Protein backbone atom coordinates (compact mmCIF):
# COMPACT_ATOMS: atom_id res chain seq x y z
CA MET A 1 -12.70 14.95 -15.78
CA ASN A 2 -14.43 17.81 -13.94
CA ILE A 3 -15.40 17.64 -10.26
CA PRO A 4 -18.09 20.10 -9.10
CA VAL A 5 -17.29 21.91 -5.84
CA ILE A 6 -20.61 20.78 -4.36
CA LEU A 7 -19.46 17.14 -4.60
CA LEU A 8 -16.16 17.95 -2.91
CA GLU A 9 -17.98 19.54 0.00
CA LYS A 10 -20.44 16.68 0.24
CA TYR A 11 -18.02 13.75 0.12
CA ASN A 12 -14.87 15.08 1.81
CA ILE A 13 -15.58 13.21 5.05
CA PRO A 14 -13.46 10.76 7.10
CA VAL A 15 -13.60 7.29 5.53
CA PRO A 16 -11.27 4.26 5.57
CA ARG A 17 -8.68 3.99 2.82
CA TYR A 18 -9.65 0.33 2.31
CA THR A 19 -6.13 -0.80 1.49
CA SER A 20 -7.24 -3.75 3.60
CA TYR A 21 -10.48 -4.92 5.18
CA PRO A 22 -11.27 -4.73 8.02
CA PRO A 23 -9.04 -1.67 8.57
CA ALA A 24 -6.18 -1.97 11.07
CA ASN A 25 -7.99 0.10 13.70
CA HIS A 26 -10.28 -2.92 14.20
CA PHE A 27 -7.39 -5.04 15.48
CA ILE A 28 -7.56 -6.28 19.09
CA ASP A 29 -4.71 -6.09 21.60
CA GLN A 30 -3.08 -9.51 22.05
CA ALA A 31 0.11 -8.61 23.93
CA GLY A 32 1.69 -11.67 25.51
CA ASN A 33 -0.36 -14.10 23.44
CA LYS A 34 1.83 -16.89 22.06
CA ASP A 35 -0.53 -18.84 19.83
CA HIS A 36 -0.05 -16.94 16.58
CA THR A 37 2.04 -19.72 15.03
CA MET A 38 -1.12 -21.83 15.24
CA PHE A 39 -2.64 -19.49 12.64
CA VAL A 40 0.45 -19.74 10.48
CA ASP A 41 0.08 -23.53 10.55
CA MET A 42 -3.59 -23.22 9.61
CA SER A 43 -2.83 -20.80 6.78
CA ASN A 44 -1.17 -23.61 4.83
CA ASN A 45 -4.69 -24.89 4.12
CA TRP A 46 -6.12 -21.49 3.19
CA ASP A 47 -6.18 -19.65 -0.13
CA PRO A 48 -4.33 -18.15 -1.81
CA ARG A 49 -1.63 -20.79 -1.77
CA HIS A 50 1.13 -18.43 -2.85
CA ILE A 51 3.32 -16.64 -0.32
CA ALA A 52 4.02 -12.91 -0.13
CA LEU A 53 6.81 -11.83 2.22
CA TYR A 54 6.97 -8.35 3.73
CA VAL A 55 9.87 -6.87 5.71
CA HIS A 56 9.52 -3.63 7.64
CA ILE A 57 12.66 -1.51 8.03
CA PRO A 58 11.58 1.33 10.36
CA PHE A 59 14.73 3.45 10.19
CA CYS A 60 15.04 6.82 8.48
CA ARG A 61 17.95 9.22 8.44
CA LYS A 62 15.41 11.91 9.24
CA ILE A 63 11.63 11.99 9.51
CA CYS A 64 9.63 13.69 6.76
CA PHE A 65 6.92 15.89 8.24
CA TYR A 66 4.16 14.28 6.13
CA CYS A 67 5.06 10.73 7.17
CA GLY A 68 2.24 8.54 8.46
CA CYS A 69 4.29 5.34 8.61
CA ASN A 70 5.81 3.60 11.61
CA ALA A 71 9.28 5.08 11.31
CA CYS A 72 12.06 6.24 13.62
CA THR A 73 15.28 8.18 13.27
CA LEU A 74 18.34 6.00 12.74
CA ARG A 75 20.55 6.44 15.81
CA SER A 76 23.37 3.90 15.66
CA ASN A 77 24.78 0.92 13.79
CA ASN A 78 24.36 -1.14 16.95
CA GLU A 79 20.60 -0.58 16.84
CA VAL A 80 20.51 -1.74 13.22
CA GLU A 81 22.57 -4.84 14.04
CA ALA A 82 20.25 -5.73 16.94
CA TYR A 83 17.16 -5.20 14.82
CA ILE A 84 18.37 -7.28 11.86
CA SER A 85 19.41 -10.07 14.22
CA ALA A 86 15.92 -10.09 15.77
CA LEU A 87 14.36 -10.00 12.31
CA MET A 88 16.28 -13.09 11.24
CA CYS A 89 15.16 -14.90 14.39
CA GLU A 90 11.53 -14.04 13.68
CA ILE A 91 11.84 -15.32 10.10
CA GLU A 92 13.36 -18.53 11.45
CA MET A 93 10.50 -19.02 13.93
CA VAL A 94 7.70 -18.39 11.45
CA SER A 95 9.16 -20.10 8.38
CA ASP A 96 9.31 -23.44 10.21
CA HIS A 97 5.49 -23.41 10.23
CA ILE A 98 5.02 -22.73 6.51
CA ASP A 99 4.61 -25.54 3.98
CA LYS A 100 7.76 -25.59 1.84
CA LYS A 101 5.79 -26.76 -1.19
CA ARG A 102 4.19 -23.34 -1.44
CA LEU A 103 5.83 -20.75 -3.72
CA VAL A 104 6.94 -17.24 -2.89
CA THR A 105 5.65 -14.87 -5.58
CA GLN A 106 6.23 -11.52 -3.87
CA VAL A 107 8.85 -10.01 -1.57
CA HIS A 108 8.52 -6.40 -0.47
CA PHE A 109 10.72 -4.20 1.70
CA GLY A 110 8.95 -1.19 3.15
CA GLY A 111 9.52 1.33 5.89
CA GLY A 112 10.64 3.72 7.11
CA THR A 113 13.41 3.87 4.57
CA PRO A 114 14.82 0.43 3.74
CA ASN A 115 17.86 1.91 1.98
CA SER A 116 18.79 3.89 5.08
CA ILE A 117 20.70 0.81 6.22
CA PRO A 118 23.59 -0.97 4.43
CA SER A 119 22.63 -2.92 1.32
CA GLU A 120 24.31 -6.01 2.78
CA LYS A 121 21.65 -6.13 5.48
CA ILE A 122 18.83 -6.02 2.92
CA THR A 123 20.32 -8.62 0.60
CA GLY A 124 21.22 -10.84 3.56
CA ILE A 125 17.52 -11.06 4.40
CA VAL A 126 16.68 -11.98 0.80
CA GLU A 127 19.27 -14.75 0.75
CA PHE A 128 17.92 -16.03 4.08
CA PHE A 129 14.43 -16.13 2.54
CA LYS A 130 15.79 -18.15 -0.37
CA LYS A 131 17.15 -20.74 2.06
CA LYS A 132 13.83 -21.00 3.86
CA PHE A 133 11.33 -20.88 0.97
CA ASN A 134 10.85 -21.96 -2.61
CA PHE A 135 10.65 -19.01 -4.99
CA ALA A 136 8.60 -18.86 -8.17
CA LEU A 137 10.77 -18.24 -11.23
CA ASP A 138 9.05 -14.91 -11.85
CA ALA A 139 8.87 -13.82 -8.20
CA GLU A 140 8.82 -10.07 -7.72
CA ILE A 141 11.43 -8.73 -5.25
CA ALA A 142 10.66 -5.08 -4.56
CA ILE A 143 11.98 -2.31 -2.37
CA GLU A 144 10.80 1.17 -1.43
CA THR A 145 13.67 3.65 -1.53
CA ASN A 146 14.49 7.25 -0.83
CA PRO A 147 16.62 8.25 -3.86
CA ALA A 148 18.39 10.85 -1.72
CA TYR A 149 20.37 7.94 -0.26
CA LEU A 150 20.86 5.80 -3.36
CA ASP A 151 24.10 5.38 -5.23
CA LYS A 152 25.17 3.04 -8.02
CA ASP A 153 26.98 0.61 -5.72
CA TYR A 154 23.82 0.18 -3.63
CA ILE A 155 21.76 -0.50 -6.76
CA ASP A 156 24.36 -2.96 -8.08
CA HIS A 157 24.18 -4.96 -4.87
CA LEU A 158 20.38 -5.14 -4.89
CA ILE A 159 20.18 -6.18 -8.54
CA THR A 160 22.87 -8.84 -8.06
CA HIS A 161 20.68 -10.41 -5.37
CA GLY A 162 17.51 -10.48 -7.46
CA PHE A 163 15.70 -7.20 -6.84
CA ASN A 164 13.57 -6.48 -9.89
CA ARG A 165 11.20 -3.67 -8.82
CA PHE A 166 12.31 -0.33 -7.42
CA SER A 167 9.94 2.25 -5.97
CA PHE A 168 11.53 5.68 -5.81
CA GLY A 169 9.84 7.97 -3.28
CA ILE A 170 10.12 11.25 -5.16
CA GLN A 171 7.09 13.04 -3.59
CA ASP A 172 7.71 16.24 -5.63
CA LEU A 173 10.30 17.52 -8.09
CA ASN A 174 10.16 21.03 -6.63
CA THR A 175 13.09 21.30 -4.21
CA ASP A 176 11.36 24.10 -2.27
CA VAL A 177 8.39 21.82 -1.58
CA LEU A 178 10.73 19.05 -0.45
CA ALA A 179 12.65 21.40 1.86
CA GLY A 180 9.36 22.45 3.46
CA VAL A 181 8.53 18.85 4.40
CA ASN A 182 12.05 17.91 5.55
CA ARG A 183 12.94 15.75 2.56
CA GLU A 184 15.91 15.84 0.21
CA PRO A 185 15.92 15.41 -3.58
CA SER A 186 17.49 12.49 -5.41
CA ALA A 187 21.25 12.20 -5.02
CA LEU A 188 21.55 11.23 -8.69
CA PRO A 189 19.65 12.94 -11.53
CA LEU A 190 16.49 10.88 -11.94
CA ASN A 191 17.04 10.18 -15.63
CA GLU A 192 20.51 8.86 -14.79
CA LEU A 193 19.17 6.79 -11.89
CA ILE A 194 16.45 5.18 -13.99
CA SER A 195 18.78 4.55 -16.93
CA TYR A 196 21.34 2.95 -14.67
CA VAL A 197 18.81 0.50 -13.20
CA ARG A 198 17.53 -0.47 -16.65
CA ASN A 199 21.02 -0.89 -18.05
CA LYS A 200 21.86 -3.24 -15.19
CA ASN A 201 18.64 -5.24 -15.58
CA SER A 202 16.48 -4.55 -18.62
CA LYS A 203 13.56 -6.36 -16.97
CA ALA A 204 13.66 -4.33 -13.75
CA ALA A 205 10.50 -2.31 -13.19
CA ILE A 206 10.52 1.23 -11.83
CA ASN A 207 7.81 3.01 -9.84
CA LEU A 208 7.84 6.74 -9.10
CA ASP A 209 5.80 7.82 -6.07
CA PHE A 210 4.44 11.33 -5.51
CA ILE A 211 2.31 13.07 -2.90
CA TYR A 212 -0.15 15.90 -3.49
CA GLY A 213 -1.62 18.14 -0.81
CA LEU A 214 1.64 19.33 0.77
CA PRO A 215 2.50 22.91 1.81
CA GLY A 216 3.92 24.89 -1.09
CA GLN A 217 2.24 22.78 -3.76
CA ASP A 218 -0.17 24.24 -6.27
CA VAL A 219 -1.79 23.07 -9.49
CA ALA A 220 0.77 24.65 -11.82
CA GLY A 221 3.71 23.21 -9.92
CA PHE A 222 2.23 19.74 -9.60
CA THR A 223 1.34 19.75 -13.30
CA GLU A 224 4.95 20.54 -14.13
CA THR A 225 6.13 17.73 -11.82
CA MET A 226 3.83 15.26 -13.56
CA GLU A 227 5.01 16.37 -17.01
CA GLN A 228 8.64 15.91 -16.00
CA ALA A 229 7.93 12.56 -14.36
CA ALA A 230 6.08 11.16 -17.38
CA ALA A 231 9.03 12.18 -19.60
CA LEU A 232 11.20 9.82 -17.53
CA ASN A 233 9.03 6.92 -18.76
CA PRO A 234 8.71 4.92 -15.51
CA ASP A 235 6.73 1.68 -15.59
CA ARG A 236 4.30 2.83 -12.92
CA MET A 237 3.47 6.07 -11.14
CA VAL A 238 1.53 6.76 -7.99
CA THR A 239 0.00 10.05 -6.84
CA PHE A 240 -0.86 9.64 -3.17
CA SER A 241 -3.20 12.05 -1.44
CA TYR A 242 -1.48 13.38 1.67
CA ALA A 243 -3.28 11.84 4.68
CA HIS A 244 -3.38 14.36 7.52
CA VAL A 245 -3.63 12.53 10.87
CA PRO A 246 -1.88 14.83 13.39
CA TRP A 247 -3.64 13.12 16.30
CA LEU A 248 -1.58 10.03 15.43
CA LYS A 249 1.56 11.66 14.01
CA LYS A 250 2.42 14.79 15.99
CA HIS A 251 5.11 15.91 13.54
CA GLN A 252 2.37 16.53 10.97
CA GLN A 253 1.29 19.54 13.06
CA ILE A 254 4.29 21.35 11.57
CA LEU A 255 2.59 21.22 8.17
CA GLU A 256 -0.56 22.85 9.55
CA LYS A 257 1.51 25.90 10.48
CA ARG A 258 2.98 26.02 6.96
CA GLY A 259 -0.43 25.90 5.30
CA LEU A 260 -2.07 22.86 3.74
CA PRO A 261 -4.00 23.09 0.45
CA GLY A 262 -7.76 22.76 0.84
CA ALA A 263 -9.90 19.97 -0.62
CA GLU A 264 -10.67 21.90 -3.80
CA GLU A 265 -7.00 22.67 -4.47
CA LYS A 266 -6.02 19.07 -3.71
CA THR A 267 -8.64 17.83 -6.13
CA LYS A 268 -7.31 20.11 -8.85
CA MET A 269 -3.84 18.68 -8.26
CA PHE A 270 -5.19 15.14 -8.49
CA LEU A 271 -6.98 16.00 -11.73
CA ALA A 272 -3.85 17.66 -13.11
CA GLY A 273 -1.91 14.46 -12.48
CA TYR A 274 -4.72 12.36 -13.93
CA ASN A 275 -4.98 14.46 -17.09
CA VAL A 276 -1.23 14.60 -17.69
CA LEU A 277 -0.59 10.92 -17.13
CA THR A 278 -3.58 9.62 -19.09
CA SER A 279 -2.67 11.95 -21.98
CA LYS A 280 0.78 10.32 -21.99
CA GLY A 281 -0.73 6.85 -22.35
CA TYR A 282 -0.72 5.74 -18.72
CA GLN A 283 -3.76 3.77 -17.57
CA PRO A 284 -5.39 4.60 -14.20
CA ILE A 285 -5.43 1.70 -11.73
CA GLY A 286 -7.52 1.94 -8.57
CA LEU A 287 -7.66 5.43 -7.12
CA ASP A 288 -4.11 6.68 -7.49
CA HIS A 289 -1.91 4.31 -9.55
CA TYR A 290 -0.99 4.62 -13.23
CA VAL A 291 0.59 1.94 -15.41
CA SER A 292 1.60 1.42 -19.03
CA LYS A 293 -0.76 -0.39 -21.39
CA ASP A 294 1.38 -3.53 -21.43
CA ASP A 295 1.53 -3.77 -17.63
CA GLU A 296 0.13 -6.95 -16.08
CA LEU A 297 -2.03 -4.82 -13.76
CA TYR A 298 -3.79 -3.19 -16.71
CA ASN A 299 -4.39 -6.56 -18.32
CA ALA A 300 -5.82 -7.80 -15.01
CA LEU A 301 -8.10 -4.76 -14.83
CA LYS A 302 -9.39 -5.38 -18.35
CA ASN A 303 -10.18 -8.96 -17.34
CA ASN A 304 -11.86 -7.89 -14.08
CA GLN A 305 -9.11 -9.70 -12.15
CA LEU A 306 -7.19 -6.87 -10.51
CA HIS A 307 -6.57 -7.52 -6.82
CA ARG A 308 -4.57 -6.13 -3.92
CA ASN A 309 -3.05 -7.16 -0.62
CA PHE A 310 -0.87 -5.27 1.86
CA GLN A 311 1.90 -5.31 -0.75
CA GLY A 312 -0.24 -3.21 -3.10
CA TYR A 313 -2.00 -3.96 -6.38
CA CYS A 314 -1.39 -7.36 -7.93
CA THR A 315 -3.05 -9.93 -10.14
CA ARG A 316 -5.20 -12.73 -8.80
CA GLN A 317 -2.67 -15.17 -10.23
CA ASN A 318 0.30 -13.76 -8.29
CA THR A 319 -1.28 -12.63 -5.03
CA GLY A 320 -0.28 -14.45 -1.88
CA GLN A 321 -1.11 -14.54 1.78
CA VAL A 322 1.24 -12.01 3.39
CA TYR A 323 3.71 -13.15 6.05
CA ALA A 324 5.20 -9.98 7.52
CA PHE A 325 8.33 -9.52 9.61
CA GLY A 326 9.65 -6.69 11.73
CA VAL A 327 8.27 -3.96 13.93
CA SER A 328 4.58 -3.05 13.24
CA ALA A 329 4.47 -5.53 10.33
CA ILE A 330 1.04 -7.01 9.57
CA SER A 331 0.64 -10.59 8.38
CA GLN A 332 -2.44 -10.75 6.17
CA LEU A 333 -3.57 -14.36 6.23
CA GLU A 334 -6.87 -15.43 4.77
CA LYS A 335 -8.73 -15.71 8.09
CA VAL A 336 -6.60 -13.71 10.52
CA TYR A 337 -4.43 -10.58 10.66
CA LEU A 338 -1.44 -10.48 13.02
CA GLN A 339 0.37 -7.23 13.81
CA ASN A 340 3.72 -6.96 15.55
CA THR A 341 4.52 -4.42 18.26
CA LYS A 342 5.28 -0.91 17.02
CA SER A 343 8.23 -0.39 19.37
CA VAL A 344 11.68 -1.29 18.03
CA GLU A 345 13.07 -1.80 21.53
CA LYS A 346 10.16 -3.98 22.60
CA TYR A 347 10.31 -5.99 19.38
CA ILE A 348 14.00 -6.78 19.90
CA ASN A 349 13.50 -7.70 23.57
CA LEU A 350 10.56 -10.00 22.80
CA ILE A 351 12.53 -11.87 20.16
CA ILE A 352 15.57 -12.16 22.45
CA GLY A 353 13.25 -13.65 25.07
CA ASN A 354 11.93 -16.14 22.50
CA ARG A 355 8.49 -14.57 22.75
CA SER A 356 6.05 -13.64 20.02
CA PRO A 357 6.28 -10.01 18.82
CA VAL A 358 2.59 -10.10 17.83
CA GLU A 359 0.71 -7.42 19.74
CA LYS A 360 -2.59 -7.19 17.89
CA ARG A 361 -4.78 -9.71 16.12
CA LEU A 362 -8.02 -9.88 14.23
CA GLU A 363 -9.73 -13.14 13.37
CA VAL A 364 -11.79 -12.39 10.29
CA THR A 365 -15.40 -13.58 10.42
CA ASP A 366 -17.20 -15.18 7.51
CA ASP A 367 -19.25 -12.01 7.03
CA GLN A 368 -16.10 -9.88 7.02
CA ILE A 369 -14.56 -12.14 4.38
CA ILE A 370 -17.64 -11.57 2.21
CA THR A 371 -17.52 -7.81 2.75
CA ARG A 372 -13.76 -7.78 2.09
CA GLU A 373 -14.26 -9.50 -1.24
CA VAL A 374 -16.91 -7.00 -2.32
CA ILE A 375 -14.99 -3.90 -1.24
CA THR A 376 -11.63 -5.10 -2.56
CA HIS A 377 -13.14 -6.00 -5.92
CA LEU A 378 -14.91 -2.65 -6.19
CA MET A 379 -11.81 -0.66 -5.18
CA CYS A 380 -9.64 -2.53 -7.68
CA ASN A 381 -11.91 -3.11 -10.67
CA LYS A 382 -14.37 -0.23 -10.25
CA LYS A 383 -17.32 -2.50 -10.84
CA ILE A 384 -19.35 -5.25 -9.21
CA GLN A 385 -21.21 -7.96 -11.09
CA TRP A 386 -23.42 -9.47 -8.41
CA SER A 387 -23.92 -12.80 -10.18
CA SER A 388 -20.14 -13.29 -10.48
CA MET A 389 -19.66 -12.24 -6.87
CA THR A 390 -22.20 -14.75 -5.56
CA LYS A 391 -20.62 -17.49 -7.67
CA ASN A 392 -17.10 -16.72 -6.39
CA LEU A 393 -18.30 -16.60 -2.79
CA ASN A 394 -20.68 -19.55 -3.22
CA ILE A 395 -23.58 -17.80 -1.48
CA ALA A 396 -27.07 -16.70 -2.43
CA MET A 397 -27.68 -13.15 -3.65
CA GLU A 398 -30.03 -12.41 -0.76
CA LYS A 399 -27.42 -13.41 1.81
CA LEU A 400 -24.68 -11.40 0.11
CA LYS A 401 -26.74 -8.22 0.11
CA ASN A 402 -27.85 -8.78 3.68
CA VAL A 403 -24.25 -9.16 4.85
CA ILE A 404 -23.12 -5.88 3.27
CA ARG A 405 -26.41 -4.17 4.20
CA TYR A 406 -27.05 -3.23 0.61
CA ASP A 407 -28.77 0.16 0.71
CA GLN A 408 -30.54 1.19 -2.47
CA ASP A 409 -31.19 4.70 -1.17
CA LEU A 410 -27.46 5.31 -0.71
CA LEU A 411 -26.72 3.95 -4.17
CA SER A 412 -29.45 6.11 -5.67
CA GLY A 413 -27.79 9.14 -4.13
CA PHE A 414 -24.46 8.21 -5.72
CA GLU A 415 -26.22 7.67 -9.05
CA GLN A 416 -27.92 11.08 -8.88
CA ASP A 417 -24.52 12.67 -8.25
CA GLY A 418 -23.10 10.92 -11.31
CA LEU A 419 -20.70 8.71 -9.33
CA ILE A 420 -22.09 5.30 -10.30
CA GLU A 421 -24.34 3.53 -12.74
CA TYR A 422 -26.22 0.66 -11.14
CA ASP A 423 -29.11 -1.75 -11.42
CA ASP A 424 -30.04 -5.07 -9.80
CA GLU A 425 -27.20 -6.80 -11.63
CA SER A 426 -24.22 -4.51 -11.16
CA ILE A 427 -22.52 -1.36 -9.91
CA LEU A 428 -20.19 0.57 -12.21
CA ILE A 429 -18.03 3.43 -10.96
CA THR A 430 -18.02 6.36 -13.38
CA GLU A 431 -14.92 8.41 -14.18
CA THR A 432 -16.10 11.11 -11.76
CA GLY A 433 -17.00 8.45 -9.20
CA SER A 434 -13.43 7.10 -9.16
CA MET A 435 -12.51 10.21 -7.19
CA PHE A 436 -15.00 9.22 -4.48
CA ILE A 437 -14.58 5.45 -4.61
CA ARG A 438 -13.73 5.27 -0.89
CA ASN A 439 -17.10 6.85 -0.06
CA ILE A 440 -18.89 4.37 -2.32
CA ALA A 441 -17.04 1.45 -0.76
CA ALA A 442 -17.99 2.71 2.72
CA SER A 443 -21.65 2.43 1.76
CA LEU A 444 -21.11 -1.33 1.36
CA ASP A 445 -19.28 -1.64 4.69
CA PRO A 446 -21.65 -2.59 7.53
CA GLU A 447 -18.97 -1.76 10.12
CA TYR A 448 -18.25 1.74 8.88
CA LYS A 449 -19.02 4.59 11.21
CA GLU A 450 -18.07 8.13 10.33
CA GLN A 451 -15.80 9.25 13.16
CA VAL A 452 -13.61 12.31 13.65
CA ASN A 453 -9.97 11.43 14.43
CA LYS A 454 -10.53 7.87 13.23
CA TYR A 455 -9.82 8.09 9.50
CA SER A 456 -8.25 10.65 7.21
CA LYS A 457 -10.66 12.56 4.97
CA ALA A 458 -11.54 11.19 1.55
CA LEU A 459 -9.79 14.05 -0.26
């Protein structure tokens, strides 16, 4: 794949990441509102029927300078105890409103750094979930980890309690790069860490996560990192583009002083990762994920059935409405999004007072549901068949295109730049176009407005 500089300059503009639709900056303040359990009750009659559970652990032993997550420095065991106690109370309150006939197909622990707290706290939550819900036999129980704080005892405890997917946040294999962004390397050699997990559970899946666009990175170094990572034979790999939002995350200003790679250099790093991983047999999924050929996500992509929710990429068969717990957690129900307060102290106090921690809400309109389906399908499967889309949504073609404000002039521009192939029946993202898929998706988003300090840039 070769990306002309002129395209980088043209399309490197602020656009949503479209990991969800509408994006979270559309949410409306709902502090003090107590009716969110009404939506949980209603969600039992919405699709998908399956349940996805998300738990946010905000604590980190130290904050990485690139971090864009809702995270805070771990200060005391008492704070952890108070937080976990509040978390259990929230699960208790919400689970009482969920139909017990529905199956849990996904559990995901994110952060922050979930493994910054004792493993007993993490597994205690899982066991509490098992008491409150019915789990599918093949349910995925996943956790994001910082391998700098992982040892074999911690892994043993997680596997004993059913964890079967581990995401290791590597970010880079160059220790100088890691030092420059305030992150430590893996405590155990990665090959030993991966082998240990697989020896304990041969069916456990392993993700390795990387970031490109950090100070100190260059194409040669990132290529070497990708070569070394592929040799470890993980099940999935992710190469995230560093999202620079210093107006939201002040600590990112430190990276500006250390020198961030420009768009052209970042693109070369992305392409280096793409070329290395595809040459090793990994299949590209979405914009930045890579999986083996026997992965269920690749099979879903081949069948035009790849999907995603706030948990990440998934199949249509396994996806569930997301019920999220903890500070800043977002429940992604079919017709409403509910986001908890971002303050740990406030979250704990609200729960102690038997009040809802939900601070923001967005009721999704019928038109937004239509747009969400189009954008999600395009971002996941890199194609749109309009006849299939109208059938799935049960609406006329004219209405569908009116809702998304289908603009043939915009599409013609993408076609001229070699980013898509399209006609009246379909849109197909080209290999080059996959680099600019967020821009293409934005052209089908009637609510998109290009705004400075609103979204990170596309590249």
